[in-house]
Amino acid sequence: MKELNQFIDTFLIRLHKRLEQYETTDPEIIAELKNILKLWPEVPSSGKLPSPQGSPVTKYLDIALSLGDTGPESSLAAAIRPLAPFLHWTFGYPPHPLHPNLESQVSFTQIIGPDDLGMADHLLIGLTLLAPETFYPAHVHPAVEIYIPIGGVGIWSKGNEQPTAKAPGTMILHQSGIVHTTESKLDPVLALYIWRGDLITSSKFITN
């Protein structure tokens, strides 16, 4: 656990620095980053014992991290890599009527939260991994969410906005209740998410 706590602390320190130094003129992102930093968990971290679990998607994790190693989020990619053996990957959604194979194409893991490897009462921090050529269809949740692409370029949409390519070096804000989607192309996509607000109500697909 001591080694794991060191990995988590390094991850949190680098992520905190990234949030502090992110340059944007978007007032909503600026406000949300301030909200997140006010709730930031203290280090050192101490949470539940790891229960590592892979998924069919995690075969792309090393590729996605390698893409991140040479990009603007290389510091975060390097902090995520030693955590990989401890991560518990899941899907969590019921089957989607139009996309029946999503469990083999999309996976999630939580690193920081009320009951995760690192403890935080008011934030969830984790990773989303998409296999190549995958569409993560319309979904919604009450939590406010910041996404940081780590490796791979994804196509992101929210609300009525047109889908837009988002590469590492950008941040994506999903306000509470906004419908959003993500799509990968030839490369897998790895993105870090931060949830604030309602951490209990799960995300759900919009299928009508």
N, C-alpha and C. Protein backbone atom coordinates (compact mmCIF):
# COMPACT_ATOMS: atom_id res chain seq x y z
N MET A 1 0.82 -1.22 0.00
CA MET A 1 0.00 0.00 0.00
C MET A 1 0.85 1.26 0.00
N LYS A 2 2.02 1.20 0.64
CA LYS A 2 2.88 2.38 0.68
C LYS A 2 3.29 2.81 -0.72
N GLU A 3 3.68 1.83 -1.55
CA GLU A 3 4.07 2.15 -2.92
C GLU A 3 2.89 2.72 -3.70
N LEU A 4 1.71 2.11 -3.55
CA LEU A 4 0.52 2.60 -4.23
C LEU A 4 0.20 4.03 -3.81
N ASN A 5 0.27 4.30 -2.51
CA ASN A 5 0.00 5.66 -2.03
C ASN A 5 0.97 6.67 -2.64
N GLN A 6 2.21 6.27 -2.82
CA GLN A 6 3.17 7.17 -3.45
C GLN A 6 2.77 7.45 -4.90
N PHE A 7 2.31 6.42 -5.60
CA PHE A 7 1.87 6.60 -6.98
C PHE A 7 0.66 7.53 -7.05
N ILE A 8 -0.29 7.33 -6.12
CA ILE A 8 -1.49 8.16 -6.10
C ILE A 8 -1.14 9.61 -5.78
N ASP A 9 -0.25 9.80 -4.82
CA ASP A 9 0.14 11.16 -4.45
C ASP A 9 0.82 11.88 -5.61
N THR A 10 1.70 11.18 -6.32
CA THR A 10 2.34 11.77 -7.49
C THR A 10 1.31 12.16 -8.54
N PHE A 11 0.35 11.26 -8.77
CA PHE A 11 -0.72 11.52 -9.73
C PHE A 11 -1.51 12.77 -9.32
N LEU A 12 -1.89 12.86 -8.04
CA LEU A 12 -2.68 13.99 -7.57
C LEU A 12 -1.89 15.31 -7.66
N ILE A 13 -0.63 15.27 -7.31
CA ILE A 13 0.19 16.48 -7.35
C ILE A 13 0.30 16.98 -8.79
N ARG A 14 0.53 16.06 -9.73
CA ARG A 14 0.66 16.49 -11.12
C ARG A 14 -0.66 16.98 -11.69
N LEU A 15 -1.76 16.31 -11.32
CA LEU A 15 -3.06 16.74 -11.80
C LEU A 15 -3.42 18.11 -11.23
N HIS A 16 -3.17 18.31 -9.95
CA HIS A 16 -3.44 19.61 -9.32
C HIS A 16 -2.67 20.71 -10.05
N LYS A 17 -1.41 20.47 -10.33
CA LYS A 17 -0.59 21.45 -11.04
C LYS A 17 -1.15 21.73 -12.42
N ARG A 18 -1.61 20.68 -13.09
CA ARG A 18 -2.17 20.85 -14.45
C ARG A 18 -3.43 21.72 -14.41
N LEU A 19 -4.29 21.48 -13.44
CA LEU A 19 -5.51 22.27 -13.32
C LEU A 19 -5.20 23.72 -12.99
N GLU A 20 -4.23 23.93 -12.11
CA GLU A 20 -3.83 25.29 -11.74
C GLU A 20 -3.27 26.07 -12.92
N GLN A 21 -2.53 25.39 -13.79
CA GLN A 21 -1.80 26.07 -14.85
C GLN A 21 -2.54 26.09 -16.19
N TYR A 22 -3.70 25.45 -16.26
CA TYR A 22 -4.41 25.40 -17.54
C TYR A 22 -4.83 26.80 -17.98
N GLU A 23 -4.52 27.13 -19.23
CA GLU A 23 -4.81 28.45 -19.76
C GLU A 23 -6.04 28.38 -20.67
N THR A 24 -7.04 29.15 -20.33
CA THR A 24 -8.27 29.20 -21.12
C THR A 24 -8.96 30.53 -20.88
N THR A 25 -9.75 30.95 -21.85
CA THR A 25 -10.58 32.14 -21.68
C THR A 25 -12.04 31.77 -21.46
N ASP A 26 -12.33 30.47 -21.40
CA ASP A 26 -13.70 30.01 -21.21
C ASP A 26 -14.11 30.24 -19.74
N PRO A 27 -15.06 31.13 -19.47
CA PRO A 27 -15.38 31.44 -18.07
C PRO A 27 -15.99 30.27 -17.32
N GLU A 28 -16.71 29.37 -18.03
CA GLU A 28 -17.30 28.22 -17.35
C GLU A 28 -16.22 27.24 -16.90
N ILE A 29 -15.22 27.00 -17.75
CA ILE A 29 -14.13 26.11 -17.36
C ILE A 29 -13.31 26.73 -16.23
N ILE A 30 -13.03 28.02 -16.32
CA ILE A 30 -12.30 28.70 -15.25
C ILE A 30 -13.02 28.54 -13.91
N ALA A 31 -14.34 28.76 -13.92
CA ALA A 31 -15.12 28.66 -12.69
C ALA A 31 -15.11 27.23 -12.15
N GLU A 32 -15.24 26.24 -13.04
CA GLU A 32 -15.28 24.86 -12.59
C GLU A 32 -13.93 24.41 -12.04
N LEU A 33 -12.84 24.82 -12.66
CA LEU A 33 -11.53 24.47 -12.14
C LEU A 33 -11.34 25.05 -10.74
N LYS A 34 -11.81 26.26 -10.50
CA LYS A 34 -11.74 26.85 -9.15
C LYS A 34 -12.55 26.03 -8.16
N ASN A 35 -13.74 25.57 -8.58
CA ASN A 35 -14.58 24.74 -7.71
C ASN A 35 -13.87 23.43 -7.35
N ILE A 36 -13.24 22.81 -8.34
CA ILE A 36 -12.55 21.54 -8.11
C ILE A 36 -11.37 21.74 -7.15
N LEU A 37 -10.59 22.76 -7.38
CA LEU A 37 -9.40 22.98 -6.56
C LEU A 37 -9.75 23.29 -5.11
N LYS A 38 -10.91 23.88 -4.89
CA LYS A 38 -11.35 24.13 -3.51
C LYS A 38 -11.64 22.82 -2.77
N LEU A 39 -12.01 21.79 -3.51
CA LEU A 39 -12.38 20.51 -2.92
C LEU A 39 -11.24 19.49 -2.97
N TRP A 40 -10.06 19.92 -3.33
CA TRP A 40 -8.97 18.98 -3.62
C TRP A 40 -8.60 18.14 -2.41
N PRO A 41 -8.45 16.82 -2.59
CA PRO A 41 -8.09 15.94 -1.46
C PRO A 41 -6.67 16.18 -1.00
N GLU A 42 -6.46 16.01 0.30
CA GLU A 42 -5.13 16.17 0.85
C GLU A 42 -4.28 14.95 0.52
N VAL A 43 -2.97 15.14 0.53
CA VAL A 43 -2.04 14.02 0.42
C VAL A 43 -1.28 13.92 1.74
N PRO A 44 -0.83 12.74 2.15
CA PRO A 44 -0.89 11.48 1.42
C PRO A 44 -2.28 10.86 1.39
N SER A 45 -2.49 10.01 0.41
CA SER A 45 -3.78 9.39 0.20
C SER A 45 -3.85 8.04 0.90
N SER A 46 -5.05 7.64 1.25
CA SER A 46 -5.25 6.32 1.84
C SER A 46 -6.68 5.89 1.54
N GLY A 47 -6.83 4.81 0.83
CA GLY A 47 -8.17 4.35 0.45
C GLY A 47 -8.28 2.85 0.59
N LYS A 48 -9.18 2.27 -0.19
CA LYS A 48 -9.43 0.84 -0.07
C LYS A 48 -8.32 0.04 -0.73
N LEU A 49 -8.24 -1.22 -0.38
CA LEU A 49 -7.25 -2.10 -0.99
C LEU A 49 -7.57 -2.29 -2.46
N PRO A 50 -6.56 -2.33 -3.32
CA PRO A 50 -6.81 -2.49 -4.75
C PRO A 50 -7.39 -3.86 -5.07
N SER A 51 -8.26 -3.90 -6.07
CA SER A 51 -8.79 -5.16 -6.60
C SER A 51 -8.70 -5.08 -8.12
N PRO A 52 -7.51 -5.27 -8.66
CA PRO A 52 -7.30 -5.05 -10.10
C PRO A 52 -8.24 -5.89 -10.95
N GLN A 53 -8.73 -5.30 -12.01
CA GLN A 53 -9.62 -6.01 -12.95
C GLN A 53 -9.46 -5.38 -14.32
N GLY A 54 -9.20 -6.22 -15.30
CA GLY A 54 -9.09 -5.74 -16.66
C GLY A 54 -10.42 -5.83 -17.39
N SER A 55 -10.41 -5.48 -18.65
CA SER A 55 -11.57 -5.61 -19.52
C SER A 55 -11.04 -5.83 -20.93
N PRO A 56 -11.89 -6.18 -21.89
CA PRO A 56 -11.38 -6.33 -23.26
C PRO A 56 -10.73 -5.06 -23.79
N VAL A 57 -11.09 -3.91 -23.23
CA VAL A 57 -10.59 -2.63 -23.74
C VAL A 57 -9.18 -2.33 -23.24
N THR A 58 -8.80 -2.90 -22.10
CA THR A 58 -7.52 -2.51 -21.50
C THR A 58 -6.31 -2.98 -22.31
N LYS A 59 -6.52 -3.81 -23.31
CA LYS A 59 -5.39 -4.14 -24.20
C LYS A 59 -4.91 -2.91 -24.97
N TYR A 60 -5.74 -1.85 -25.00
CA TYR A 60 -5.36 -0.62 -25.68
C TYR A 60 -4.77 0.43 -24.73
N LEU A 61 -4.71 0.11 -23.44
CA LEU A 61 -4.25 1.12 -22.49
C LEU A 61 -2.81 1.53 -22.74
N ASP A 62 -1.94 0.57 -22.97
CA ASP A 62 -0.54 0.91 -23.17
C ASP A 62 -0.35 1.74 -24.44
N ILE A 63 -1.11 1.44 -25.48
CA ILE A 63 -1.04 2.22 -26.72
C ILE A 63 -1.47 3.66 -26.45
N ALA A 64 -2.59 3.81 -25.73
CA ALA A 64 -3.11 5.15 -25.44
C ALA A 64 -2.12 5.94 -24.57
N LEU A 65 -1.52 5.27 -23.59
CA LEU A 65 -0.53 5.95 -22.76
C LEU A 65 0.70 6.33 -23.57
N SER A 66 1.10 5.48 -24.50
CA SER A 66 2.24 5.79 -25.35
C SER A 66 1.96 7.02 -26.21
N LEU A 67 0.72 7.15 -26.70
CA LEU A 67 0.33 8.35 -27.43
C LEU A 67 0.43 9.58 -26.52
N GLY A 68 0.05 9.40 -25.26
CA GLY A 68 0.13 10.50 -24.30
C GLY A 68 1.55 10.85 -23.90
N ASP A 69 2.45 9.87 -23.97
CA ASP A 69 3.83 10.10 -23.55
C ASP A 69 4.53 11.18 -24.38
N THR A 70 4.09 11.35 -25.62
CA THR A 70 4.74 12.31 -26.51
C THR A 70 3.90 13.56 -26.72
N GLY A 71 2.84 13.73 -25.94
CA GLY A 71 1.95 14.86 -26.11
C GLY A 71 2.01 15.83 -24.95
N PRO A 72 1.11 16.82 -24.96
CA PRO A 72 1.12 17.85 -23.93
C PRO A 72 0.70 17.37 -22.54
N GLU A 73 0.11 16.16 -22.46
CA GLU A 73 -0.26 15.61 -21.16
C GLU A 73 0.70 14.50 -20.75
N SER A 74 1.96 14.60 -21.19
CA SER A 74 2.93 13.54 -20.91
C SER A 74 3.17 13.36 -19.41
N SER A 75 3.10 14.44 -18.64
CA SER A 75 3.31 14.33 -17.20
C SER A 75 2.21 13.49 -16.55
N LEU A 76 0.96 13.70 -16.98
CA LEU A 76 -0.14 12.90 -16.45
C LEU A 76 -0.06 11.46 -16.94
N ALA A 77 0.30 11.27 -18.21
CA ALA A 77 0.44 9.90 -18.73
C ALA A 77 1.48 9.14 -17.92
N ALA A 78 2.59 9.81 -17.59
CA ALA A 78 3.64 9.16 -16.81
C ALA A 78 3.19 8.84 -15.40
N ALA A 79 2.29 9.66 -14.83
CA ALA A 79 1.78 9.41 -13.49
C ALA A 79 0.73 8.31 -13.47
N ILE A 80 0.03 8.13 -14.59
CA ILE A 80 -1.00 7.08 -14.68
C ILE A 80 -0.36 5.71 -14.88
N ARG A 81 0.73 5.66 -15.61
CA ARG A 81 1.32 4.36 -15.99
C ARG A 81 1.60 3.45 -14.78
N PRO A 82 2.25 3.91 -13.70
CA PRO A 82 2.50 3.00 -12.57
C PRO A 82 1.25 2.61 -11.81
N LEU A 83 0.14 3.34 -12.00
CA LEU A 83 -1.12 2.97 -11.37
C LEU A 83 -1.83 1.84 -12.11
N ALA A 84 -1.45 1.61 -13.37
CA ALA A 84 -2.18 0.66 -14.22
C ALA A 84 -2.37 -0.72 -13.60
N PRO A 85 -1.36 -1.32 -12.95
CA PRO A 85 -1.55 -2.67 -12.39
C PRO A 85 -2.57 -2.73 -11.25
N PHE A 86 -2.94 -1.59 -10.68
CA PHE A 86 -3.84 -1.57 -9.53
C PHE A 86 -5.29 -1.23 -9.91
N LEU A 87 -5.54 -0.91 -11.16
CA LEU A 87 -6.83 -0.34 -11.54
C LEU A 87 -7.89 -1.41 -11.77
N HIS A 88 -9.11 -1.06 -11.39
CA HIS A 88 -10.28 -1.93 -11.53
C HIS A 88 -11.17 -1.34 -12.62
N TRP A 89 -11.17 -1.97 -13.80
CA TRP A 89 -11.90 -1.45 -14.95
C TRP A 89 -13.29 -2.09 -15.03
N THR A 90 -14.30 -1.27 -15.30
CA THR A 90 -15.67 -1.76 -15.41
C THR A 90 -16.37 -1.04 -16.57
N PHE A 91 -17.60 -1.46 -16.84
CA PHE A 91 -18.43 -0.77 -17.83
C PHE A 91 -19.59 -0.07 -17.13
N GLY A 92 -20.43 -0.83 -16.44
CA GLY A 92 -21.40 -0.22 -15.54
C GLY A 92 -22.75 0.13 -16.12
N TYR A 93 -22.86 0.20 -17.43
CA TYR A 93 -24.15 0.52 -18.05
C TYR A 93 -24.93 -0.76 -18.36
N PRO A 94 -26.25 -0.68 -18.44
CA PRO A 94 -27.01 -1.79 -19.02
C PRO A 94 -26.77 -1.83 -20.52
N PRO A 95 -27.10 -2.94 -21.19
CA PRO A 95 -26.89 -3.02 -22.64
C PRO A 95 -27.62 -1.89 -23.38
N HIS A 96 -26.94 -1.34 -24.38
CA HIS A 96 -27.53 -0.30 -25.20
C HIS A 96 -28.24 -0.95 -26.38
N PRO A 97 -29.51 -0.60 -26.66
CA PRO A 97 -30.25 -1.29 -27.72
C PRO A 97 -29.65 -1.11 -29.11
N LEU A 98 -28.91 -0.03 -29.34
CA LEU A 98 -28.35 0.22 -30.66
C LEU A 98 -26.86 -0.08 -30.74
N HIS A 99 -26.23 -0.28 -29.60
CA HIS A 99 -24.79 -0.54 -29.56
C HIS A 99 -24.52 -1.69 -28.59
N PRO A 100 -24.84 -2.92 -29.01
CA PRO A 100 -24.82 -4.05 -28.07
C PRO A 100 -23.44 -4.48 -27.60
N ASN A 101 -22.37 -4.06 -28.26
CA ASN A 101 -21.03 -4.55 -27.91
C ASN A 101 -20.18 -3.51 -27.18
N LEU A 102 -20.82 -2.53 -26.58
CA LEU A 102 -20.07 -1.45 -25.95
C LEU A 102 -19.16 -1.91 -24.82
N GLU A 103 -19.55 -2.96 -24.11
CA GLU A 103 -18.74 -3.42 -22.98
C GLU A 103 -17.36 -3.86 -23.43
N SER A 104 -17.21 -4.25 -24.69
CA SER A 104 -15.90 -4.64 -25.21
C SER A 104 -15.19 -3.48 -25.89
N GLN A 105 -15.80 -2.28 -25.85
CA GLN A 105 -15.22 -1.13 -26.55
C GLN A 105 -14.97 0.09 -25.65
N VAL A 106 -15.65 0.15 -24.50
CA VAL A 106 -15.54 1.28 -23.60
C VAL A 106 -15.36 0.75 -22.17
N SER A 107 -14.45 1.35 -21.42
CA SER A 107 -14.27 0.92 -20.03
C SER A 107 -13.86 2.12 -19.18
N PHE A 108 -14.14 1.99 -17.88
CA PHE A 108 -13.91 3.09 -16.93
C PHE A 108 -13.22 2.54 -15.68
N THR A 109 -12.44 3.40 -15.06
CA THR A 109 -11.88 3.06 -13.76
C THR A 109 -11.84 4.31 -12.90
N GLN A 110 -12.15 4.15 -11.62
CA GLN A 110 -12.07 5.27 -10.68
C GLN A 110 -10.79 5.13 -9.85
N ILE A 111 -10.11 6.27 -9.68
CA ILE A 111 -8.87 6.30 -8.91
C ILE A 111 -9.09 7.00 -7.58
N ILE A 112 -9.80 8.12 -7.62
CA ILE A 112 -10.03 8.94 -6.43
C ILE A 112 -11.53 9.09 -6.21
N GLY A 113 -11.99 8.91 -4.97
CA GLY A 113 -13.41 9.09 -4.65
C GLY A 113 -13.67 8.69 -3.21
N PRO A 114 -14.94 8.69 -2.82
CA PRO A 114 -15.26 8.32 -1.43
C PRO A 114 -14.91 6.89 -1.07
N ASP A 115 -14.83 6.00 -2.08
CA ASP A 115 -14.55 4.58 -1.81
C ASP A 115 -13.61 4.02 -2.86
N ASP A 116 -12.49 4.73 -3.08
CA ASP A 116 -11.57 4.34 -4.15
C ASP A 116 -10.14 4.26 -3.62
N LEU A 117 -9.18 4.04 -4.51
CA LEU A 117 -7.79 3.86 -4.09
C LEU A 117 -7.28 5.07 -3.32
N GLY A 118 -7.65 6.25 -3.75
CA GLY A 118 -7.35 7.48 -3.03
C GLY A 118 -8.64 8.09 -2.53
N MET A 119 -8.63 8.66 -1.34
CA MET A 119 -9.86 9.12 -0.70
C MET A 119 -10.14 10.58 -1.00
N ALA A 120 -11.40 10.86 -1.39
CA ALA A 120 -11.91 12.23 -1.55
C ALA A 120 -13.42 12.16 -1.37
N ASP A 121 -13.95 13.01 -0.53
CA ASP A 121 -15.39 12.97 -0.25
C ASP A 121 -16.23 13.67 -1.31
N HIS A 122 -15.65 14.64 -2.02
CA HIS A 122 -16.47 15.50 -2.87
C HIS A 122 -16.06 15.50 -4.34
N LEU A 123 -15.14 14.60 -4.73
CA LEU A 123 -14.71 14.51 -6.12
C LEU A 123 -14.58 13.04 -6.51
N LEU A 124 -14.85 12.76 -7.76
CA LEU A 124 -14.48 11.48 -8.37
C LEU A 124 -13.47 11.78 -9.47
N ILE A 125 -12.38 11.05 -9.49
CA ILE A 125 -11.37 11.20 -10.54
C ILE A 125 -11.07 9.82 -11.08
N GLY A 126 -11.17 9.68 -12.38
CA GLY A 126 -10.94 8.37 -12.98
C GLY A 126 -10.57 8.50 -14.45
N LEU A 127 -10.63 7.37 -15.15
CA LEU A 127 -10.23 7.31 -16.55
C LEU A 127 -11.32 6.66 -17.38
N THR A 128 -11.46 7.14 -18.60
CA THR A 128 -12.31 6.52 -19.62
C THR A 128 -11.40 6.07 -20.76
N LEU A 129 -11.57 4.83 -21.21
CA LEU A 129 -10.76 4.28 -22.29
C LEU A 129 -11.68 3.77 -23.39
N LEU A 130 -11.47 4.26 -24.61
CA LEU A 130 -12.22 3.81 -25.78
C LEU A 130 -11.30 3.04 -26.71
N ALA A 131 -11.76 1.89 -27.17
CA ALA A 131 -11.04 1.16 -28.22
C ALA A 131 -11.10 1.96 -29.52
N PRO A 132 -10.23 1.67 -30.49
CA PRO A 132 -10.33 2.35 -31.77
C PRO A 132 -11.70 2.12 -32.43
N GLU A 133 -12.11 3.10 -33.22
CA GLU A 133 -13.36 3.01 -34.00
C GLU A 133 -14.55 2.71 -33.09
N THR A 134 -14.68 3.48 -32.02
CA THR A 134 -15.74 3.26 -31.04
C THR A 134 -16.55 4.53 -30.85
N PHE A 135 -17.86 4.37 -30.80
CA PHE A 135 -18.77 5.48 -30.50
C PHE A 135 -19.39 5.24 -29.13
N TYR A 136 -19.10 6.15 -28.21
CA TYR A 136 -19.67 6.13 -26.86
C TYR A 136 -20.91 7.02 -26.94
N PRO A 137 -22.10 6.40 -27.01
CA PRO A 137 -23.29 7.15 -27.42
C PRO A 137 -23.80 8.11 -26.35
N ALA A 138 -24.83 8.85 -26.71
CA ALA A 138 -25.38 9.92 -25.88
C ALA A 138 -25.70 9.42 -24.47
N HIS A 139 -25.20 10.16 -23.48
CA HIS A 139 -25.42 9.82 -22.09
C HIS A 139 -25.45 11.10 -21.28
N VAL A 140 -25.89 10.99 -20.04
CA VAL A 140 -26.09 12.17 -19.21
C VAL A 140 -25.94 11.79 -17.74
N HIS A 141 -25.54 12.75 -16.91
CA HIS A 141 -25.46 12.54 -15.47
C HIS A 141 -25.59 13.88 -14.77
N PRO A 142 -26.01 13.88 -13.52
CA PRO A 142 -26.16 15.16 -12.80
C PRO A 142 -24.85 15.78 -12.34
N ALA A 143 -23.79 15.00 -12.22
CA ALA A 143 -22.49 15.56 -11.81
C ALA A 143 -21.96 16.49 -12.89
N VAL A 144 -21.28 17.54 -12.46
CA VAL A 144 -20.51 18.37 -13.38
C VAL A 144 -19.21 17.63 -13.67
N GLU A 145 -18.78 17.65 -14.93
CA GLU A 145 -17.65 16.82 -15.34
C GLU A 145 -16.64 17.62 -16.16
N ILE A 146 -15.39 17.47 -15.81
CA ILE A 146 -14.27 17.95 -16.62
C ILE A 146 -13.57 16.73 -17.20
N TYR A 147 -13.29 16.76 -18.49
CA TYR A 147 -12.51 15.71 -19.14
C TYR A 147 -11.17 16.30 -19.61
N ILE A 148 -10.09 15.55 -19.42
CA ILE A 148 -8.78 15.90 -19.92
C ILE A 148 -8.31 14.77 -20.84
N PRO A 149 -8.31 14.94 -22.16
CA PRO A 149 -7.76 13.90 -23.04
C PRO A 149 -6.27 13.69 -22.74
N ILE A 150 -5.89 12.43 -22.58
CA ILE A 150 -4.51 12.09 -22.25
C ILE A 150 -3.77 11.56 -23.47
N GLY A 151 -4.38 10.60 -24.18
CA GLY A 151 -3.77 10.01 -25.37
C GLY A 151 -4.83 9.73 -26.41
N GLY A 152 -4.56 10.10 -27.65
CA GLY A 152 -5.52 9.91 -28.73
C GLY A 152 -6.44 11.11 -28.89
N VAL A 153 -6.88 11.33 -30.12
CA VAL A 153 -7.79 12.44 -30.45
C VAL A 153 -9.20 11.89 -30.54
N GLY A 154 -10.10 12.40 -29.70
CA GLY A 154 -11.49 11.98 -29.72
C GLY A 154 -12.37 13.02 -30.38
N ILE A 155 -13.55 12.58 -30.82
CA ILE A 155 -14.57 13.48 -31.35
C ILE A 155 -15.63 13.63 -30.27
N TRP A 156 -15.81 14.82 -29.74
CA TRP A 156 -16.68 15.07 -28.60
C TRP A 156 -17.85 15.95 -29.02
N SER A 157 -19.01 15.68 -28.47
CA SER A 157 -20.16 16.55 -28.69
C SER A 157 -20.90 16.73 -27.37
N LYS A 158 -21.60 17.85 -27.25
CA LYS A 158 -22.46 18.07 -26.08
C LYS A 158 -23.61 18.97 -26.48
N GLY A 159 -24.78 18.65 -25.92
CA GLY A 159 -25.97 19.43 -26.23
C GLY A 159 -26.23 19.48 -27.72
N ASN A 160 -26.48 20.68 -28.23
CA ASN A 160 -26.76 20.88 -29.65
C ASN A 160 -25.52 21.28 -30.45
N GLU A 161 -24.35 21.26 -29.81
CA GLU A 161 -23.13 21.66 -30.50
C GLU A 161 -22.68 20.58 -31.49
N GLN A 162 -21.98 21.01 -32.51
CA GLN A 162 -21.44 20.08 -33.50
C GLN A 162 -20.29 19.27 -32.90
N PRO A 163 -20.15 17.99 -33.27
CA PRO A 163 -19.01 17.21 -32.79
C PRO A 163 -17.69 17.87 -33.19
N THR A 164 -16.74 17.85 -32.25
CA THR A 164 -15.47 18.54 -32.45
C THR A 164 -14.32 17.65 -31.99
N ALA A 165 -13.26 17.63 -32.79
CA ALA A 165 -12.06 16.88 -32.40
C ALA A 165 -11.37 17.57 -31.23
N LYS A 166 -11.05 16.79 -30.20
CA LYS A 166 -10.38 17.32 -29.01
C LYS A 166 -9.13 16.48 -28.76
N ALA A 167 -7.99 17.13 -28.80
CA ALA A 167 -6.72 16.46 -28.61
C ALA A 167 -6.21 16.70 -27.20
N PRO A 168 -5.23 15.92 -26.74
CA PRO A 168 -4.57 16.23 -25.49
C PRO A 168 -4.07 17.67 -25.49
N GLY A 169 -4.15 18.31 -24.33
CA GLY A 169 -3.83 19.72 -24.22
C GLY A 169 -5.06 20.59 -24.06
N THR A 170 -6.24 19.99 -24.26
CA THR A 170 -7.50 20.71 -24.08
C THR A 170 -8.24 20.15 -22.87
N MET A 171 -9.25 20.89 -22.44
CA MET A 171 -10.17 20.39 -21.41
C MET A 171 -11.59 20.54 -21.93
N ILE A 172 -12.44 19.63 -21.50
CA ILE A 172 -13.82 19.58 -21.95
C ILE A 172 -14.72 19.63 -20.73
N LEU A 173 -15.68 20.53 -20.74
CA LEU A 173 -16.61 20.69 -19.61
C LEU A 173 -17.99 20.20 -20.00
N HIS A 174 -18.56 19.32 -19.18
CA HIS A 174 -19.96 18.91 -19.30
C HIS A 174 -20.69 19.38 -18.05
N GLN A 175 -21.56 20.36 -18.22
CA GLN A 175 -22.34 20.84 -17.10
C GLN A 175 -23.37 19.78 -16.69
N SER A 176 -23.92 19.92 -15.50
CA SER A 176 -24.90 18.97 -15.00
C SER A 176 -26.07 18.83 -15.97
N GLY A 177 -26.41 17.58 -16.31
CA GLY A 177 -27.57 17.31 -17.14
C GLY A 177 -27.39 17.52 -18.62
N ILE A 178 -26.18 17.83 -19.09
CA ILE A 178 -25.96 18.04 -20.52
C ILE A 178 -25.66 16.69 -21.19
N VAL A 179 -26.34 16.41 -22.28
CA VAL A 179 -26.13 15.16 -23.02
C VAL A 179 -24.83 15.28 -23.82
N HIS A 180 -24.00 14.24 -23.80
CA HIS A 180 -22.73 14.30 -24.51
C HIS A 180 -22.34 12.93 -25.05
N THR A 181 -21.43 12.95 -26.04
CA THR A 181 -20.95 11.74 -26.68
C THR A 181 -19.44 11.85 -26.90
N THR A 182 -18.80 10.70 -27.14
CA THR A 182 -17.38 10.66 -27.50
C THR A 182 -17.19 9.59 -28.56
N GLU A 183 -16.26 9.83 -29.45
CA GLU A 183 -15.98 8.85 -30.50
C GLU A 183 -14.47 8.79 -30.75
N SER A 184 -13.95 7.59 -30.90
CA SER A 184 -12.56 7.41 -31.29
C SER A 184 -12.50 7.04 -32.77
N LYS A 185 -11.37 7.31 -33.38
CA LYS A 185 -11.16 6.95 -34.79
C LYS A 185 -10.14 5.81 -34.87
N LEU A 186 -9.02 6.03 -35.54
CA LEU A 186 -8.06 4.95 -35.73
C LEU A 186 -7.31 4.59 -34.46
N ASP A 187 -7.11 5.57 -33.58
CA ASP A 187 -6.39 5.32 -32.33
C ASP A 187 -7.36 5.17 -31.17
N PRO A 188 -6.95 4.46 -30.12
CA PRO A 188 -7.75 4.48 -28.89
C PRO A 188 -7.71 5.87 -28.28
N VAL A 189 -8.64 6.12 -27.39
CA VAL A 189 -8.70 7.40 -26.68
C VAL A 189 -8.71 7.12 -25.18
N LEU A 190 -7.79 7.76 -24.48
CA LEU A 190 -7.75 7.71 -23.02
C LEU A 190 -7.96 9.12 -22.51
N ALA A 191 -8.93 9.29 -21.62
CA ALA A 191 -9.21 10.61 -21.06
C ALA A 191 -9.43 10.49 -19.56
N LEU A 192 -8.99 11.50 -18.85
CA LEU A 192 -9.18 11.58 -17.40
C LEU A 192 -10.43 12.41 -17.12
N TYR A 193 -11.29 11.92 -16.23
CA TYR A 193 -12.48 12.68 -15.87
C TYR A 193 -12.46 13.07 -14.40
N ILE A 194 -13.10 14.20 -14.11
CA ILE A 194 -13.30 14.66 -12.73
C ILE A 194 -14.78 15.00 -12.58
N TRP A 195 -15.43 14.34 -11.64
CA TRP A 195 -16.83 14.62 -11.31
C TRP A 195 -16.91 15.43 -10.03
N ARG A 196 -17.82 16.42 -10.05
CA ARG A 196 -18.11 17.21 -8.85
C ARG A 196 -19.63 17.36 -8.72
N GLY A 197 -20.11 17.39 -7.49
CA GLY A 197 -21.55 17.54 -7.26
C GLY A 197 -22.17 16.22 -6.84
N ASP A 198 -23.14 15.75 -7.60
CA ASP A 198 -23.81 14.48 -7.31
C ASP A 198 -22.90 13.33 -7.75
N LEU A 199 -22.23 12.71 -6.79
CA LEU A 199 -21.32 11.61 -7.10
C LEU A 199 -21.98 10.25 -7.00
N ILE A 200 -23.24 10.24 -6.61
CA ILE A 200 -23.94 8.97 -6.37
C ILE A 200 -24.74 8.52 -7.58
N THR A 201 -25.45 9.45 -8.24
CA THR A 201 -26.30 9.10 -9.37
C THR A 201 -25.46 8.75 -10.57
N SER A 202 -25.65 7.56 -11.10
CA SER A 202 -24.84 7.07 -12.22
C SER A 202 -25.22 7.76 -13.52
N SER A 203 -24.30 7.69 -14.45
CA SER A 203 -24.58 8.13 -15.82
C SER A 203 -25.58 7.17 -16.46
N LYS A 204 -26.41 7.68 -17.37
CA LYS A 204 -27.36 6.82 -18.08
C LYS A 204 -27.40 7.20 -19.55
N PHE A 205 -27.67 6.19 -20.38
CA PHE A 205 -27.79 6.41 -21.82
C PHE A 205 -29.10 7.12 -22.13
N ILE A 206 -29.07 7.94 -23.19
CA ILE A 206 -30.27 8.54 -23.76
C ILE A 206 -30.58 7.76 -25.03
N THR A 207 -31.64 7.02 -25.05
CA THR A 207 -31.90 6.11 -26.17
C THR A 207 -33.16 6.45 -26.95
N ASN A 208 -33.82 7.59 -26.63
CA ASN A 208 -35.03 7.92 -27.40
C ASN A 208 -34.82 9.17 -28.22
